[in-house]
Amino acid sequence: MNRKDRRAAEKKMGKDNSQKLTDKIFQFENLPEECSACLKPFDKKSKKMAATWNVVAAADAVRLYCPECWSTARRVVEEYKTSKTIED
């Protein structure tokens, strides 16, 4: 992100939000080389992998998930939500 882009982003989003975005972008330098769940290798040069894999950038760490692990996690969350609504 160059100076011109950074200033435009700050003007559009406000300085606090722009700083948060910048922090998230710098976290991607710490992107793992494998899935955080199943340890399947991730090729950083592959456009297909970049488009299909999911990244979760938390305050303390960056986690990377392959499509299979991501769909499994989403299914588990949906099942949990439906079981909670049935119980209530």
PDB file of N, CA and C in Angstrom:
ATOM      1  N   MET A   1       0.863  -1.163   0.000  1.00  0.00           N
ATOM      2  CA  MET A   1       0.000   0.000   0.000  1.00  0.00           C
ATOM      3  C   MET A   1       0.911   1.227   0.000  1.00  0.00           C
ATOM      4  N   ASN A   2       0.814   2.028  -1.039  1.00  0.00           N
ATOM      5  CA  ASN A   2       1.689   3.199  -1.101  1.00  0.00           C
ATOM      6  C   ASN A   2       1.053   4.391  -0.377  1.00  0.00           C
ATOM      7  N   ARG A   3       1.781   5.472  -0.330  1.00  0.00           N
ATOM      8  CA  ARG A   3       1.355   6.641   0.437  1.00  0.00           C
ATOM      9  C   ARG A   3       0.039   7.217  -0.072  1.00  0.00           C
ATOM     10  N   LYS A   4      -0.110   7.294  -1.377  1.00  0.00           N
ATOM     11  CA  LYS A   4      -1.327   7.849  -1.972  1.00  0.00           C
ATOM     12  C   LYS A   4      -2.542   6.985  -1.615  1.00  0.00           C
ATOM     13  N   ASP A   5      -2.400   5.665  -1.730  1.00  0.00           N
ATOM     14  CA  ASP A   5      -3.491   4.753  -1.392  1.00  0.00           C
ATOM     15  C   ASP A   5      -3.837   4.826   0.090  1.00  0.00           C
ATOM     16  N   ARG A   6      -2.810   4.922   0.930  1.00  0.00           N
ATOM     17  CA  ARG A   6      -3.026   4.990   2.369  1.00  0.00           C
ATOM     18  C   ARG A   6      -3.784   6.261   2.738  1.00  0.00           C
ATOM     19  N   ARG A   7      -3.412   7.369   2.135  1.00  0.00           N
ATOM     20  CA  ARG A   7      -4.107   8.632   2.430  1.00  0.00           C
ATOM     21  C   ARG A   7      -5.551   8.606   1.938  1.00  0.00           C
ATOM     22  N   ALA A   8      -5.779   8.028   0.776  1.00  0.00           N
ATOM     23  CA  ALA A   8      -7.140   7.919   0.254  1.00  0.00           C
ATOM     24  C   ALA A   8      -7.992   7.030   1.159  1.00  0.00           C
ATOM     25  N   ALA A   9      -7.411   5.939   1.646  1.00  0.00           N
ATOM     26  CA  ALA A   9      -8.147   5.048   2.542  1.00  0.00           C
ATOM     27  C   ALA A   9      -8.460   5.735   3.858  1.00  0.00           C
ATOM     28  N   GLU A  10      -7.505   6.491   4.389  1.00  0.00           N
ATOM     29  CA  GLU A  10      -7.737   7.215   5.641  1.00  0.00           C
ATOM     30  C   GLU A  10      -8.848   8.241   5.476  1.00  0.00           C
ATOM     31  N   LYS A  11      -8.851   8.912   4.353  1.00  0.00           N
ATOM     32  CA  LYS A  11      -9.866   9.935   4.107  1.00  0.00           C
ATOM     33  C   LYS A  11     -11.247   9.299   3.989  1.00  0.00           C
ATOM     34  N   LYS A  12     -11.312   8.151   3.311  1.00  0.00           N
ATOM     35  CA  LYS A  12     -12.591   7.496   3.076  1.00  0.00           C
ATOM     36  C   LYS A  12     -13.133   6.814   4.337  1.00  0.00           C
ATOM     37  N   MET A  13     -12.281   6.091   5.062  1.00  0.00           N
ATOM     38  CA  MET A  13     -12.736   5.284   6.191  1.00  0.00           C
ATOM     39  C   MET A  13     -12.509   5.925   7.543  1.00  0.00           C
ATOM     40  N   GLY A  14     -11.686   6.889   7.604  1.00  0.00           N
ATOM     41  CA  GLY A  14     -11.310   7.450   8.896  1.00  0.00           C
ATOM     42  C   GLY A  14      -9.993   6.832   9.329  1.00  0.00           C
ATOM     43  N   LYS A  15      -9.263   7.536  10.139  1.00  0.00           N
ATOM     44  CA  LYS A  15      -7.913   7.107  10.494  1.00  0.00           C
ATOM     45  C   LYS A  15      -7.900   5.807  11.291  1.00  0.00           C
ATOM     46  N   ASP A  16      -8.830   5.621  12.233  1.00  0.00           N
ATOM     47  CA  ASP A  16      -8.841   4.410  13.055  1.00  0.00           C
ATOM     48  C   ASP A  16      -9.099   3.166  12.215  1.00  0.00           C
ATOM     49  N   ASN A  17     -10.105   3.218  11.357  1.00  0.00           N
ATOM     50  CA  ASN A  17     -10.414   2.072  10.506  1.00  0.00           C
ATOM     51  C   ASN A  17      -9.298   1.800   9.518  1.00  0.00           C
ATOM     52  N   SER A  18      -8.672   2.841   9.022  1.00  0.00           N
ATOM     53  CA  SER A  18      -7.563   2.670   8.097  1.00  0.00           C
ATOM     54  C   SER A  18      -6.393   1.981   8.782  1.00  0.00           C
ATOM     55  N   GLN A  19      -6.132   2.338  10.033  1.00  0.00           N
ATOM     56  CA  GLN A  19      -5.046   1.709  10.787  1.00  0.00           C
ATOM     57  C   GLN A  19      -5.345   0.232  11.023  1.00  0.00           C
ATOM     58  N   LYS A  20      -6.603  -0.097  11.322  1.00  0.00           N
ATOM     59  CA  LYS A  20      -6.983  -1.497  11.524  1.00  0.00           C
ATOM     60  C   LYS A  20      -6.778  -2.298  10.241  1.00  0.00           C
ATOM     61  N   LEU A  21      -7.142  -1.722   9.102  1.00  0.00           N
ATOM     62  CA  LEU A  21      -6.947  -2.391   7.818  1.00  0.00           C
ATOM     63  C   LEU A  21      -5.467  -2.601   7.542  1.00  0.00           C
ATOM     64  N   THR A  22      -4.665  -1.602   7.803  1.00  0.00           N
ATOM     65  CA  THR A  22      -3.223  -1.712   7.601  1.00  0.00           C
ATOM     66  C   THR A  22      -2.638  -2.810   8.484  1.00  0.00           C
ATOM     67  N   ASP A  23      -3.086  -2.895   9.716  1.00  0.00           N
ATOM     68  CA  ASP A  23      -2.613  -3.944  10.621  1.00  0.00           C
ATOM     69  C   ASP A  23      -2.965  -5.326  10.087  1.00  0.00           C
ATOM     70  N   LYS A  24      -4.183  -5.481   9.562  1.00  0.00           N
ATOM     71  CA  LYS A  24      -4.601  -6.770   9.003  1.00  0.00           C
ATOM     72  C   LYS A  24      -3.750  -7.131   7.791  1.00  0.00           C
ATOM     73  N   ILE A  25      -3.444  -6.165   6.956  1.00  0.00           N
ATOM     74  CA  ILE A  25      -2.635  -6.432   5.767  1.00  0.00           C
ATOM     75  C   ILE A  25      -1.246  -6.897   6.172  1.00  0.00           C
ATOM     76  N   PHE A  26      -0.659  -6.270   7.179  1.00  0.00           N
ATOM     77  CA  PHE A  26       0.668  -6.679   7.624  1.00  0.00           C
ATOM     78  C   PHE A  26       0.656  -8.052   8.285  1.00  0.00           C
ATOM     79  N   GLN A  27      -0.493  -8.477   8.828  1.00  0.00           N
ATOM     80  CA  GLN A  27      -0.585  -9.808   9.411  1.00  0.00           C
ATOM     81  C   GLN A  27      -0.441 -10.888   8.354  1.00  0.00           C
ATOM     82  N   PHE A  28      -0.761 -10.575   7.102  1.00  0.00           N
ATOM     83  CA  PHE A  28      -0.683 -11.571   6.046  1.00  0.00           C
ATOM     84  C   PHE A  28       0.753 -11.979   5.748  1.00  0.00           C
ATOM     85  N   GLU A  29       1.730 -11.212   6.217  1.00  0.00           N
ATOM     86  CA  GLU A  29       3.116 -11.640   6.087  1.00  0.00           C
ATOM     87  C   GLU A  29       3.360 -12.880   6.935  1.00  0.00           C
ATOM     88  N   ASN A  30       2.559 -13.081   7.965  1.00  0.00           N
ATOM     89  CA  ASN A  30       2.683 -14.231   8.854  1.00  0.00           C
ATOM     90  C   ASN A  30       1.771 -15.379   8.431  1.00  0.00           C
ATOM     91  N   LEU A  31       1.317 -15.377   7.189  1.00  0.00           N
ATOM     92  CA  LEU A  31       0.413 -16.402   6.691  1.00  0.00           C
ATOM     93  C   LEU A  31       1.076 -17.774   6.766  1.00  0.00           C
ATOM     94  N   PRO A  32       0.409 -18.758   7.367  1.00  0.00           N
ATOM     95  CA  PRO A  32       1.000 -20.087   7.476  1.00  0.00           C
ATOM     96  C   PRO A  32       1.196 -20.735   6.104  1.00  0.00           C
ATOM     97  N   GLU A  33       1.995 -21.764   6.055  1.00  0.00           N
ATOM     98  CA  GLU A  33       2.264 -22.490   4.811  1.00  0.00           C
ATOM     99  C   GLU A  33       1.430 -23.757   4.701  1.00  0.00           C
ATOM    100  N   GLU A  34       0.503 -23.962   5.653  1.00  0.00           N
ATOM    101  CA  GLU A  34      -0.337 -25.157   5.644  1.00  0.00           C
ATOM    102  C   GLU A  34      -1.651 -24.854   6.341  1.00  0.00           C
ATOM    103  N   CYS A  35      -2.630 -25.729   6.117  1.00  0.00           N
ATOM    104  CA  CYS A  35      -3.938 -25.593   6.760  1.00  0.00           C
ATOM    105  C   CYS A  35      -3.754 -25.698   8.266  1.00  0.00           C
ATOM    106  N   SER A  36      -4.406 -24.832   9.007  1.00  0.00           N
ATOM    107  CA  SER A  36      -4.274 -24.830  10.458  1.00  0.00           C
ATOM    108  C   SER A  36      -4.969 -26.022  11.104  1.00  0.00           C
ATOM    109  N   ALA A  37      -5.845 -26.703  10.372  1.00  0.00           N
ATOM    110  CA  ALA A  37      -6.563 -27.841  10.937  1.00  0.00           C
ATOM    111  C   ALA A  37      -5.971 -29.185  10.500  1.00  0.00           C
ATOM    112  N   CYS A  38      -5.778 -29.379   9.195  1.00  0.00           N
ATOM    113  CA  CYS A  38      -5.347 -30.693   8.701  1.00  0.00           C
ATOM    114  C   CYS A  38      -3.902 -30.719   8.211  1.00  0.00           C
ATOM    115  N   LEU A  39      -3.224 -29.582   8.227  1.00  0.00           N
ATOM    116  CA  LEU A  39      -1.814 -29.461   7.834  1.00  0.00           C
ATOM    117  C   LEU A  39      -1.551 -29.752   6.359  1.00  0.00           C
ATOM    118  N   LYS A  40      -2.584 -29.579   5.523  1.00  0.00           N
ATOM    119  CA  LYS A  40      -2.393 -29.708   4.076  1.00  0.00           C
ATOM    120  C   LYS A  40      -1.565 -28.511   3.609  1.00  0.00           C
ATOM    121  N   PRO A  41      -0.546 -28.724   2.761  1.00  0.00           N
ATOM    122  CA  PRO A  41       0.318 -27.605   2.345  1.00  0.00           C
ATOM    123  C   PRO A  41      -0.423 -26.572   1.496  1.00  0.00           C
ATOM    124  N   PHE A  42      -0.022 -25.321   1.654  1.00  0.00           N
ATOM    125  CA  PHE A  42      -0.609 -24.199   0.914  1.00  0.00           C
ATOM    126  C   PHE A  42       0.467 -23.593   0.022  1.00  0.00           C
ATOM    127  N   ASP A  43       0.170 -23.493  -1.260  1.00  0.00           N
ATOM    128  CA  ASP A  43       1.100 -22.893  -2.222  1.00  0.00           C
ATOM    129  C   ASP A  43       0.734 -21.422  -2.375  1.00  0.00           C
ATOM    130  N   LYS A  44       1.587 -20.543  -1.882  1.00  0.00           N
ATOM    131  CA  LYS A  44       1.305 -19.107  -1.911  1.00  0.00           C
ATOM    132  C   LYS A  44       1.298 -18.538  -3.328  1.00  0.00           C
ATOM    133  N   LYS A  45       1.850 -19.264  -4.293  1.00  0.00           N
ATOM    134  CA  LYS A  45       1.904 -18.783  -5.674  1.00  0.00           C
ATOM    135  C   LYS A  45       0.706 -19.246  -6.506  1.00  0.00           C
ATOM    136  N   SER A  46      -0.118 -20.111  -5.960  1.00  0.00           N
ATOM    137  CA  SER A  46      -1.267 -20.655  -6.683  1.00  0.00           C
ATOM    138  C   SER A  46      -2.469 -19.714  -6.567  1.00  0.00           C
ATOM    139  N   LYS A  47      -2.971 -19.257  -7.705  1.00  0.00           N
ATOM    140  CA  LYS A  47      -4.149 -18.376  -7.695  1.00  0.00           C
ATOM    141  C   LYS A  47      -5.390 -19.145  -7.266  1.00  0.00           C
ATOM    142  N   LYS A  48      -5.471 -20.422  -7.646  1.00  0.00           N
ATOM    143  CA  LYS A  48      -6.627 -21.229  -7.276  1.00  0.00           C
ATOM    144  C   LYS A  48      -6.705 -21.393  -5.757  1.00  0.00           C
ATOM    145  N   MET A  49      -5.577 -21.684  -5.135  1.00  0.00           N
ATOM    146  CA  MET A  49      -5.571 -21.828  -3.679  1.00  0.00           C
ATOM    147  C   MET A  49      -5.886 -20.496  -2.997  1.00  0.00           C
ATOM    148  N   ALA A  50      -5.359 -19.424  -3.530  1.00  0.00           N
ATOM    149  CA  ALA A  50      -5.618 -18.110  -2.946  1.00  0.00           C
ATOM    150  C   ALA A  50      -7.102 -17.765  -3.018  1.00  0.00           C
ATOM    151  N   ALA A  51      -7.780 -18.244  -4.050  1.00  0.00           N
ATOM    152  CA  ALA A  51      -9.192 -17.941  -4.221  1.00  0.00           C
ATOM    153  C   ALA A  51     -10.099 -18.860  -3.409  1.00  0.00           C
ATOM    154  N   THR A  52      -9.639 -20.068  -3.089  1.00  0.00           N
ATOM    155  CA  THR A  52     -10.522 -21.031  -2.438  1.00  0.00           C
ATOM    156  C   THR A  52     -10.253 -21.229  -0.959  1.00  0.00           C
ATOM    157  N   TRP A  53      -9.056 -20.983  -0.496  1.00  0.00           N
ATOM    158  CA  TRP A  53      -8.741 -21.175   0.914  1.00  0.00           C
ATOM    159  C   TRP A  53      -9.224 -19.969   1.716  1.00  0.00           C
ATOM    160  N   ASN A  54      -9.449 -20.157   3.017  1.00  0.00           N
ATOM    161  CA  ASN A  54      -9.978 -19.103   3.882  1.00  0.00           C
ATOM    162  C   ASN A  54      -8.957 -18.701   4.926  1.00  0.00           C
ATOM    163  N   VAL A  55      -8.869 -17.396   5.153  1.00  0.00           N
ATOM    164  CA  VAL A  55      -7.941 -16.831   6.117  1.00  0.00           C
ATOM    165  C   VAL A  55      -8.734 -16.170   7.235  1.00  0.00           C
ATOM    166  N   VAL A  56      -8.337 -16.453   8.473  1.00  0.00           N
ATOM    167  CA  VAL A  56      -8.936 -15.813   9.643  1.00  0.00           C
ATOM    168  C   VAL A  56      -7.822 -15.053  10.343  1.00  0.00           C
ATOM    169  N   ALA A  57      -7.928 -13.738  10.342  1.00  0.00           N
ATOM    170  CA  ALA A  57      -6.906 -12.898  10.961  1.00  0.00           C
ATOM    171  C   ALA A  57      -7.445 -12.387  12.294  1.00  0.00           C
ATOM    172  N   ALA A  58      -6.997 -12.996  13.367  1.00  0.00           N
ATOM    173  CA  ALA A  58      -7.378 -12.575  14.712  1.00  0.00           C
ATOM    174  C   ALA A  58      -6.325 -11.600  15.225  1.00  0.00           C
ATOM    175  N   ALA A  59      -6.561 -11.058  16.385  1.00  0.00           N
ATOM    176  CA  ALA A  59      -5.626 -10.081  16.942  1.00  0.00           C
ATOM    177  C   ALA A  59      -4.262 -10.695  17.224  1.00  0.00           C
ATOM    178  N   ASP A  60      -4.242 -11.968  17.577  1.00  0.00           N
ATOM    179  CA  ASP A  60      -2.986 -12.589  17.966  1.00  0.00           C
ATOM    180  C   ASP A  60      -2.368 -13.496  16.908  1.00  0.00           C
ATOM    181  N   ALA A  61      -3.149 -13.994  15.958  1.00  0.00           N
ATOM    182  CA  ALA A  61      -2.609 -14.948  14.988  1.00  0.00           C
ATOM    183  C   ALA A  61      -3.389 -14.915  13.680  1.00  0.00           C
ATOM    184  N   VAL A  62      -2.766 -15.451  12.639  1.00  0.00           N
ATOM    185  CA  VAL A  62      -3.408 -15.619  11.339  1.00  0.00           C
ATOM    186  C   VAL A  62      -3.564 -17.110  11.111  1.00  0.00           C
ATOM    187  N   ARG A  63      -4.778 -17.536  10.821  1.00  0.00           N
ATOM    188  CA  ARG A  63      -5.031 -18.957  10.589  1.00  0.00           C
ATOM    189  C   ARG A  63      -5.513 -19.153   9.160  1.00  0.00           C
ATOM    190  N   LEU A  64      -5.127 -20.270   8.577  1.00  0.00           N
ATOM    191  CA  LEU A  64      -5.428 -20.592   7.196  1.00  0.00           C
ATOM    192  C   LEU A  64      -6.150 -21.927   7.151  1.00  0.00           C
ATOM    193  N   TYR A  65      -7.254 -22.012   6.387  1.00  0.00           N
ATOM    194  CA  TYR A  65      -8.048 -23.232   6.326  1.00  0.00           C
ATOM    195  C   TYR A  65      -8.313 -23.629   4.878  1.00  0.00           C
ATOM    196  N   CYS A  66      -8.129 -24.923   4.597  1.00  0.00           N
ATOM    197  CA  CYS A  66      -8.424 -25.446   3.259  1.00  0.00           C
ATOM    198  C   CYS A  66      -9.944 -25.512   3.085  1.00  0.00           C
ATOM    199  N   PRO A  67     -10.429 -25.639   1.852  1.00  0.00           N
ATOM    200  CA  PRO A  67     -11.882 -25.658   1.626  1.00  0.00           C
ATOM    201  C   PRO A  67     -12.598 -26.796   2.358  1.00  0.00           C
ATOM    202  N   GLU A  68     -11.969 -27.961   2.466  1.00  0.00           N
ATOM    203  CA  GLU A  68     -12.607 -29.092   3.135  1.00  0.00           C
ATOM    204  C   GLU A  68     -12.796 -28.814   4.626  1.00  0.00           C
ATOM    205  N   CYS A  69     -11.755 -28.324   5.277  1.00  0.00           N
ATOM    206  CA  CYS A  69     -11.841 -28.012   6.713  1.00  0.00           C
ATOM    207  C   CYS A  69     -12.804 -26.860   6.958  1.00  0.00           C
ATOM    208  N   TRP A  70     -12.816 -25.879   6.056  1.00  0.00           N
ATOM    209  CA  TRP A  70     -13.707 -24.731   6.208  1.00  0.00           C
ATOM    210  C   TRP A  70     -15.167 -25.169   6.103  1.00  0.00           C
ATOM    211  N   SER A  71     -15.483 -26.032   5.132  1.00  0.00           N
ATOM    212  CA  SER A  71     -16.871 -26.482   4.982  1.00  0.00           C
ATOM    213  C   SER A  71     -17.287 -27.346   6.168  1.00  0.00           C
ATOM    214  N   THR A  72     -16.375 -28.149   6.691  1.00  0.00           N
ATOM    215  CA  THR A  72     -16.677 -28.956   7.871  1.00  0.00           C
ATOM    216  C   THR A  72     -16.972 -28.049   9.071  1.00  0.00           C
ATOM    217  N   ALA A  73     -16.167 -27.034   9.257  1.00  0.00           N
ATOM    218  CA  ALA A  73     -16.374 -26.109  10.373  1.00  0.00           C
ATOM    219  C   ALA A  73     -17.706 -25.361  10.230  1.00  0.00           C
ATOM    220  N   ARG A  74     -18.030 -24.932   9.021  1.00  0.00           N
ATOM    221  CA  ARG A  74     -19.303 -24.230   8.811  1.00  0.00           C
ATOM    222  C   ARG A  74     -20.489 -25.154   9.091  1.00  0.00           C
ATOM    223  N   ARG A  75     -20.368 -26.422   8.671  1.00  0.00           N
ATOM    224  CA  ARG A  75     -21.443 -27.392   8.910  1.00  0.00           C
ATOM    225  C   ARG A  75     -21.632 -27.615  10.408  1.00  0.00           C
ATOM    226  N   VAL A  76     -20.541 -27.737  11.151  1.00  0.00           N
ATOM    227  CA  VAL A  76     -20.613 -27.937  12.601  1.00  0.00           C
ATOM    228  C   VAL A  76     -21.267 -26.729  13.273  1.00  0.00           C
ATOM    229  N   VAL A  77     -20.924 -25.538  12.842  1.00  0.00           N
ATOM    230  CA  VAL A  77     -21.522 -24.323  13.413  1.00  0.00           C
ATOM    231  C   VAL A  77     -23.018 -24.283  13.122  1.00  0.00           C
ATOM    232  N   GLU A  78     -23.411 -24.609  11.899  1.00  0.00           N
ATOM    233  CA  GLU A  78     -24.838 -24.615  11.552  1.00  0.00           C
ATOM    234  C   GLU A  78     -25.603 -25.648  12.376  1.00  0.00           C
ATOM    235  N   GLU A  79     -25.026 -26.830  12.563  1.00  0.00           N
ATOM    236  CA  GLU A  79     -25.673 -27.857  13.378  1.00  0.00           C
ATOM    237  C   GLU A  79     -25.819 -27.391  14.822  1.00  0.00           C
ATOM    238  N   TYR A  80     -24.804 -26.708  15.330  1.00  0.00           N
ATOM    239  CA  TYR A  80     -24.865 -26.179  16.693  1.00  0.00           C
ATOM    240  C   TYR A  80     -25.966 -25.130  16.816  1.00  0.00           C
ATOM    241  N   LYS A  81     -26.051 -24.237  15.821  1.00  0.00           N
ATOM    242  CA  LYS A  81     -27.083 -23.200  15.850  1.00  0.00           C
ATOM    243  C   LYS A  81     -28.484 -23.817  15.825  1.00  0.00           C
ATOM    244  N   THR A  82     -28.692 -24.805  14.977  1.00  0.00           N
ATOM    245  CA  THR A  82     -30.021 -25.432  14.899  1.00  0.00           C
ATOM    246  C   THR A  82     -30.338 -26.188  16.179  1.00  0.00           C
ATOM    247  N   SER A  83     -29.352 -26.825  16.793  1.00  0.00           N
ATOM    248  CA  SER A  83     -29.616 -27.539  18.047  1.00  0.00           C
ATOM    249  C   SER A  83     -29.934 -26.560  19.170  1.00  0.00           C
ATOM    250  N   LYS A  84     -29.301 -25.381  19.185  1.00  0.00           N
ATOM    251  CA  LYS A  84     -29.592 -24.378  20.205  1.00  0.00           C
ATOM    252  C   LYS A  84     -30.994 -23.797  20.037  1.00  0.00           C
ATOM    253  N   THR A  85     -31.431 -23.586  18.799  1.00  0.00           N
ATOM    254  CA  THR A  85     -32.774 -23.051  18.593  1.00  0.00           C
ATOM    255  C   THR A  85     -33.845 -24.080  18.941  1.00  0.00           C
ATOM    256  N   ILE A  86     -33.566 -25.348  18.730  1.00  0.00           N
ATOM    257  CA  ILE A  86     -34.516 -26.396  19.087  1.00  0.00           C
ATOM    258  C   ILE A  86     -34.627 -26.506  20.598  1.00  0.00           C
ATOM    259  N   GLU A  87     -33.522 -26.382  21.309  1.00  0.00           N
ATOM    260  CA  GLU A  87     -33.517 -26.469  22.773  1.00  0.00           C
ATOM    261  C   GLU A  87     -34.244 -25.292  23.406  1.00  0.00           C
ATOM    262  N   ASP A  88     -34.174 -24.131  22.786  1.00  0.00           N
ATOM    263  CA  ASP A  88     -34.794 -22.912  23.350  1.00  0.00           C
ATOM    264  C   ASP A  88     -36.245 -22.923  23.020  1.00  0.00           C
TER     265      ASP A  88
END
